[in-house]
Structures are given as C-alpha cells and as structure tokens.
C-alpha cells in the first residue's frame, strides 16, 4: 500500500476506528527490537567516544 501526503498528515482523531487499529497493528509488527537496537547502538557509540578520546 502506497502512502499519500494526505495519509501522512492525518491525525488519529480523524481516522475511522478500523483504520486506526489496522495502522497500529502494522506499526507494532517489529515488537521492541528497534528500541533495543537503538539503546545498544547508543551505548556502543558512547563506549567508542570514551575509548578513543581517553
């Protein structure tokens, strides 16, 4: 499904409940992996910063 500019600017309150639920389900298909990866990457960058700046 291709998103249009109208889809990108719609507010949750403007959407039908079925559309909102489908979008929420589609957004959560990755679980918590993106947040976990982001936290680990952040810690790695912090470690690199202190490891090489002594």
PDB file of N, CA and C in Angstrom:
ATOM      1  N   UNK A   1       0.838  -1.166   0.000  1.00  0.00           N
ATOM      2  CA  UNK A   1       0.000   0.000   0.000  1.00  0.00           C
ATOM      3  C   UNK A   1       0.889   1.238   0.000  1.00  0.00           C
ATOM      4  N   UNK A   2       0.643   2.143  -0.932  1.00  0.00           N
ATOM      5  CA  UNK A   2       1.435   3.358  -1.043  1.00  0.00           C
ATOM      6  C   UNK A   2       0.790   4.473  -0.233  1.00  0.00           C
ATOM      7  N   UNK A   3       1.587   5.164   0.546  1.00  0.00           N
ATOM      8  CA  UNK A   3       1.083   6.265   1.359  1.00  0.00           C
ATOM      9  C   UNK A   3       1.055   7.543   0.544  1.00  0.00           C
ATOM     10  N   UNK A   4       0.047   8.321   0.754  1.00  0.00           N
ATOM     11  CA  UNK A   4      -0.023   9.631   0.120  1.00  0.00           C
ATOM     12  C   UNK A   4       0.272  10.691   1.170  1.00  0.00           C
ATOM     13  N   UNK A   5       0.433  11.929   0.713  1.00  0.00           N
ATOM     14  CA  UNK A   5       0.676  13.024   1.654  1.00  0.00           C
ATOM     15  C   UNK A   5      -0.500  13.189   2.608  1.00  0.00           C
ATOM     16  N   UNK A   6      -1.700  12.924   2.115  1.00  0.00           N
ATOM     17  CA  UNK A   6      -2.878  13.030   2.980  1.00  0.00           C
ATOM     18  C   UNK A   6      -2.805  12.013   4.119  1.00  0.00           C
ATOM     19  N   UNK A   7      -2.353  10.803   3.821  1.00  0.00           N
ATOM     20  CA  UNK A   7      -2.222   9.775   4.861  1.00  0.00           C
ATOM     21  C   UNK A   7      -1.183  10.165   5.897  1.00  0.00           C
ATOM     22  N   UNK A   8      -0.131  10.866   5.484  1.00  0.00           N
ATOM     23  CA  UNK A   8       0.942  11.224   6.399  1.00  0.00           C
ATOM     24  C   UNK A   8       0.537  12.333   7.366  1.00  0.00           C
ATOM     25  N   UNK A   9      -0.428  13.153   6.973  1.00  0.00           N
ATOM     26  CA  UNK A   9      -0.807  14.283   7.820  1.00  0.00           C
ATOM     27  C   UNK A   9      -2.099  14.048   8.589  1.00  0.00           C
ATOM     28  N   UNK A  10      -2.695  12.879   8.461  1.00  0.00           N
ATOM     29  CA  UNK A  10      -3.952  12.612   9.165  1.00  0.00           C
ATOM     30  C   UNK A  10      -3.693  12.426  10.650  1.00  0.00           C
ATOM     31  N   UNK A  11      -4.571  12.972  11.450  1.00  0.00           N
ATOM     32  CA  UNK A  11      -4.493  12.814  12.895  1.00  0.00           C
ATOM     33  C   UNK A  11      -5.272  11.572  13.305  1.00  0.00           C
ATOM     34  N   UNK A  12      -4.909  11.010  14.447  1.00  0.00           N
ATOM     35  CA  UNK A  12      -5.591   9.814  14.926  1.00  0.00           C
ATOM     36  C   UNK A  12      -7.091  10.049  15.104  1.00  0.00           C
ATOM     37  N   UNK A  13      -7.469  11.254  15.507  1.00  0.00           N
ATOM     38  CA  UNK A  13      -8.875  11.546  15.738  1.00  0.00           C
ATOM     39  C   UNK A  13      -9.669  11.601  14.435  1.00  0.00           C
ATOM     40  N   UNK A  14      -8.993  11.859  13.309  1.00  0.00           N
ATOM     41  CA  UNK A  14      -9.675  11.957  12.017  1.00  0.00           C
ATOM     42  C   UNK A  14      -9.901  10.604  11.364  1.00  0.00           C
ATOM     43  N   UNK A  15      -9.305   9.565  11.894  1.00  0.00           N
ATOM     44  CA  UNK A  15      -9.355   8.251  11.266  1.00  0.00           C
ATOM     45  C   UNK A  15     -10.519   7.429  11.814  1.00  0.00           C
ATOM     46  N   UNK A  16     -11.030   6.542  10.973  1.00  0.00           N
ATOM     47  CA  UNK A  16     -12.056   5.603  11.426  1.00  0.00           C
ATOM     48  C   UNK A  16     -11.408   4.611  12.390  1.00  0.00           C
ATOM     49  N   UNK A  17     -12.126   4.107  13.364  1.00  0.00           N
ATOM     50  CA  UNK A  17     -11.534   3.182  14.335  1.00  0.00           C
ATOM     51  C   UNK A  17     -10.883   1.951  13.690  1.00  0.00           C
ATOM     52  N   UNK A  18     -11.500   1.430  12.633  1.00  0.00           N
ATOM     53  CA  UNK A  18     -10.926   0.247  11.967  1.00  0.00           C
ATOM     54  C   UNK A  18      -9.586   0.584  11.309  1.00  0.00           C
ATOM     55  N   UNK A  19      -9.500   1.748  10.689  1.00  0.00           N
ATOM     56  CA  UNK A  19      -8.261   2.179  10.041  1.00  0.00           C
ATOM     57  C   UNK A  19      -7.174   2.417  11.078  1.00  0.00           C
ATOM     58  N   UNK A  20      -7.545   3.056  12.187  1.00  0.00           N
ATOM     59  CA  UNK A  20      -6.580   3.316  13.249  1.00  0.00           C
ATOM     60  C   UNK A  20      -6.032   2.004  13.813  1.00  0.00           C
ATOM     61  N   UNK A  21      -6.905   1.036  14.068  1.00  0.00           N
ATOM     62  CA  UNK A  21      -6.478  -0.253  14.618  1.00  0.00           C
ATOM     63  C   UNK A  21      -5.560  -0.990  13.650  1.00  0.00           C
ATOM     64  N   UNK A  22      -5.895  -0.955  12.364  1.00  0.00           N
ATOM     65  CA  UNK A  22      -5.046  -1.614  11.360  1.00  0.00           C
ATOM     66  C   UNK A  22      -3.669  -0.957  11.299  1.00  0.00           C
ATOM     67  N   UNK A  23      -3.635   0.374  11.392  1.00  0.00           N
ATOM     68  CA  UNK A  23      -2.346   1.075  11.362  1.00  0.00           C
ATOM     69  C   UNK A  23      -1.522   0.769  12.601  1.00  0.00           C
ATOM     70  N   UNK A  24      -2.162   0.718  13.759  1.00  0.00           N
ATOM     71  CA  UNK A  24      -1.446   0.382  14.993  1.00  0.00           C
ATOM     72  C   UNK A  24      -0.871  -1.027  14.928  1.00  0.00           C
ATOM     73  N   UNK A  25      -1.631  -1.966  14.405  1.00  0.00           N
ATOM     74  CA  UNK A  25      -1.136  -3.331  14.283  1.00  0.00           C
ATOM     75  C   UNK A  25       0.032  -3.408  13.309  1.00  0.00           C
ATOM     76  N   UNK A  26      -0.036  -2.658  12.229  1.00  0.00           N
ATOM     77  CA  UNK A  26       1.050  -2.655  11.249  1.00  0.00           C
ATOM     78  C   UNK A  26       2.305  -2.014  11.840  1.00  0.00           C
ATOM     79  N   UNK A  27       2.147  -0.995  12.681  1.00  0.00           N
ATOM     80  CA  UNK A  27       3.289  -0.309  13.277  1.00  0.00           C
ATOM     81  C   UNK A  27       4.019  -1.160  14.308  1.00  0.00           C
ATOM     82  N   UNK A  28       3.348  -2.106  14.931  1.00  0.00           N
ATOM     83  CA  UNK A  28       3.952  -2.873  16.009  1.00  0.00           C
ATOM     84  C   UNK A  28       4.429  -4.251  15.580  1.00  0.00           C
ATOM     85  N   UNK A  29       4.598  -4.492  14.294  1.00  0.00           N
ATOM     86  CA  UNK A  29       4.990  -5.821  13.849  1.00  0.00           C
ATOM     87  C   UNK A  29       6.445  -6.145  14.200  1.00  0.00           C
ATOM     88  N   UNK A  30       7.250  -5.148  14.516  1.00  0.00           N
ATOM     89  CA  UNK A  30       8.641  -5.391  14.861  1.00  0.00           C
ATOM     90  C   UNK A  30       8.849  -5.612  16.354  1.00  0.00           C
ATOM     91  N   UNK A  31       7.836  -5.383  17.149  1.00  0.00           N
ATOM     92  CA  UNK A  31       7.976  -5.549  18.588  1.00  0.00           C
ATOM     93  C   UNK A  31       8.881  -4.479  19.167  1.00  0.00           C
ATOM     94  N   UNK A  32       9.702  -4.868  20.128  1.00  0.00           N
ATOM     95  CA  UNK A  32      10.595  -3.921  20.790  1.00  0.00           C
ATOM     96  C   UNK A  32      12.004  -3.921  20.208  1.00  0.00           C
ATOM     97  N   UNK A  33      12.231  -4.632  19.122  1.00  0.00           N
ATOM     98  CA  UNK A  33      13.585  -4.718  18.566  1.00  0.00           C
ATOM     99  C   UNK A  33      14.170  -3.380  18.142  1.00  0.00           C
ATOM    100  N   UNK A  34      13.424  -2.482  17.511  1.00  0.00           N
ATOM    101  CA  UNK A  34      14.032  -1.195  17.145  1.00  0.00           C
ATOM    102  C   UNK A  34      14.523  -0.405  18.360  1.00  0.00           C
ATOM    103  N   UNK A  35      13.748  -0.405  19.447  1.00  0.00           N
ATOM    104  CA  UNK A  35      14.163   0.309  20.648  1.00  0.00           C
ATOM    105  C   UNK A  35      15.380  -0.351  21.284  1.00  0.00           C
ATOM    106  N   UNK A  36      15.407  -1.662  21.315  1.00  0.00           N
ATOM    107  CA  UNK A  36      16.545  -2.391  21.879  1.00  0.00           C
ATOM    108  C   UNK A  36      17.802  -2.137  21.055  1.00  0.00           C
ATOM    109  N   UNK A  37      17.680  -2.215  19.743  1.00  0.00           N
ATOM    110  CA  UNK A  37      18.826  -1.952  18.881  1.00  0.00           C
ATOM    111  C   UNK A  37      19.320  -0.518  19.055  1.00  0.00           C
ATOM    112  N   UNK A  38      18.394   0.427  19.150  1.00  0.00           N
ATOM    113  CA  UNK A  38      18.780   1.825  19.338  1.00  0.00           C
ATOM    114  C   UNK A  38      19.518   2.046  20.643  1.00  0.00           C
ATOM    115  N   UNK A  39      19.050   1.401  21.722  1.00  0.00           N
ATOM    116  CA  UNK A  39      19.727   1.539  23.017  1.00  0.00           C
ATOM    117  C   UNK A  39      21.121   0.926  22.972  1.00  0.00           C
ATOM    118  N   UNK A  40      21.246  -0.248  22.373  1.00  0.00           N
ATOM    119  CA  UNK A  40      22.566  -0.891  22.268  1.00  0.00           C
ATOM    120  C   UNK A  40      23.507  -0.065  21.392  1.00  0.00           C
ATOM    121  N   UNK A  41      23.009   0.467  20.295  1.00  0.00           N
ATOM    122  CA  UNK A  41      23.838   1.286  19.421  1.00  0.00           C
ATOM    123  C   UNK A  41      24.298   2.554  20.137  1.00  0.00           C
ATOM    124  N   UNK A  42      23.412   3.155  20.921  1.00  0.00           N
ATOM    125  CA  UNK A  42      23.764   4.349  21.681  1.00  0.00           C
ATOM    126  C   UNK A  42      24.862   4.047  22.692  1.00  0.00           C
ATOM    127  N   UNK A  43      24.722   2.939  23.396  1.00  0.00           N
ATOM    128  CA  UNK A  43      25.766   2.537  24.350  1.00  0.00           C
ATOM    129  C   UNK A  43      27.088   2.263  23.642  1.00  0.00           C
ATOM    130  N   UNK A  44      27.038   1.655  22.469  1.00  0.00           N
ATOM    131  CA  UNK A  44      28.245   1.387  21.694  1.00  0.00           C
ATOM    132  C   UNK A  44      28.929   2.690  21.274  1.00  0.00           C
ATOM    133  N   UNK A  45      28.152   3.664  20.829  1.00  0.00           N
ATOM    134  CA  UNK A  45      28.725   4.957  20.424  1.00  0.00           C
ATOM    135  C   UNK A  45      29.335   5.669  21.628  1.00  0.00           C
ATOM    136  N   UNK A  46      28.674   5.612  22.776  1.00  0.00           N
ATOM    137  CA  UNK A  46      29.226   6.218  23.985  1.00  0.00           C
ATOM    138  C   UNK A  46      30.533   5.537  24.366  1.00  0.00           C
ATOM    139  N   UNK A  47      30.558   4.208  24.294  1.00  0.00           N
ATOM    140  CA  UNK A  47      31.782   3.476  24.606  1.00  0.00           C
ATOM    141  C   UNK A  47      32.904   3.866  23.635  1.00  0.00           C
ATOM    142  N   UNK A  48      32.575   3.955  22.340  1.00  0.00           N
ATOM    143  CA  UNK A  48      33.596   4.371  21.354  1.00  0.00           C
ATOM    144  C   UNK A  48      34.134   5.753  21.663  1.00  0.00           C
ATOM    145  N   UNK A  49      33.265   6.654  22.045  1.00  0.00           N
ATOM    146  CA  UNK A  49      33.678   8.023  22.353  1.00  0.00           C
ATOM    147  C   UNK A  49      34.696   8.042  23.499  1.00  0.00           C
ATOM    148  N   UNK A  50      34.395   7.308  24.573  1.00  0.00           N
ATOM    149  CA  UNK A  50      35.322   7.300  25.710  1.00  0.00           C
ATOM    150  C   UNK A  50      36.553   6.430  25.462  1.00  0.00           C
ATOM    151  N   UNK A  51      36.422   5.393  24.653  1.00  0.00           N
ATOM    152  CA  UNK A  51      37.547   4.502  24.404  1.00  0.00           C
ATOM    153  C   UNK A  51      38.638   5.191  23.574  1.00  0.00           C
ATOM    154  N   UNK A  52      38.247   6.045  22.650  1.00  0.00           N
ATOM    155  CA  UNK A  52      39.230   6.650  21.758  1.00  0.00           C
ATOM    156  C   UNK A  52      39.567   8.086  22.076  1.00  0.00           C
ATOM    157  N   UNK A  53      38.906   8.670  23.070  1.00  0.00           N
ATOM    158  CA  UNK A  53      39.281  10.034  23.465  1.00  0.00           C
ATOM    159  C   UNK A  53      40.016  10.034  24.781  1.00  0.00           C
ATOM    160  N   UNK A  54      40.121   8.871  25.398  1.00  0.00           N
ATOM    161  CA  UNK A  54      40.911   8.636  26.575  1.00  0.00           C
ATOM    162  C   UNK A  54      40.641   9.506  27.727  1.00  0.00           C
TER     163      UNK A  54
END
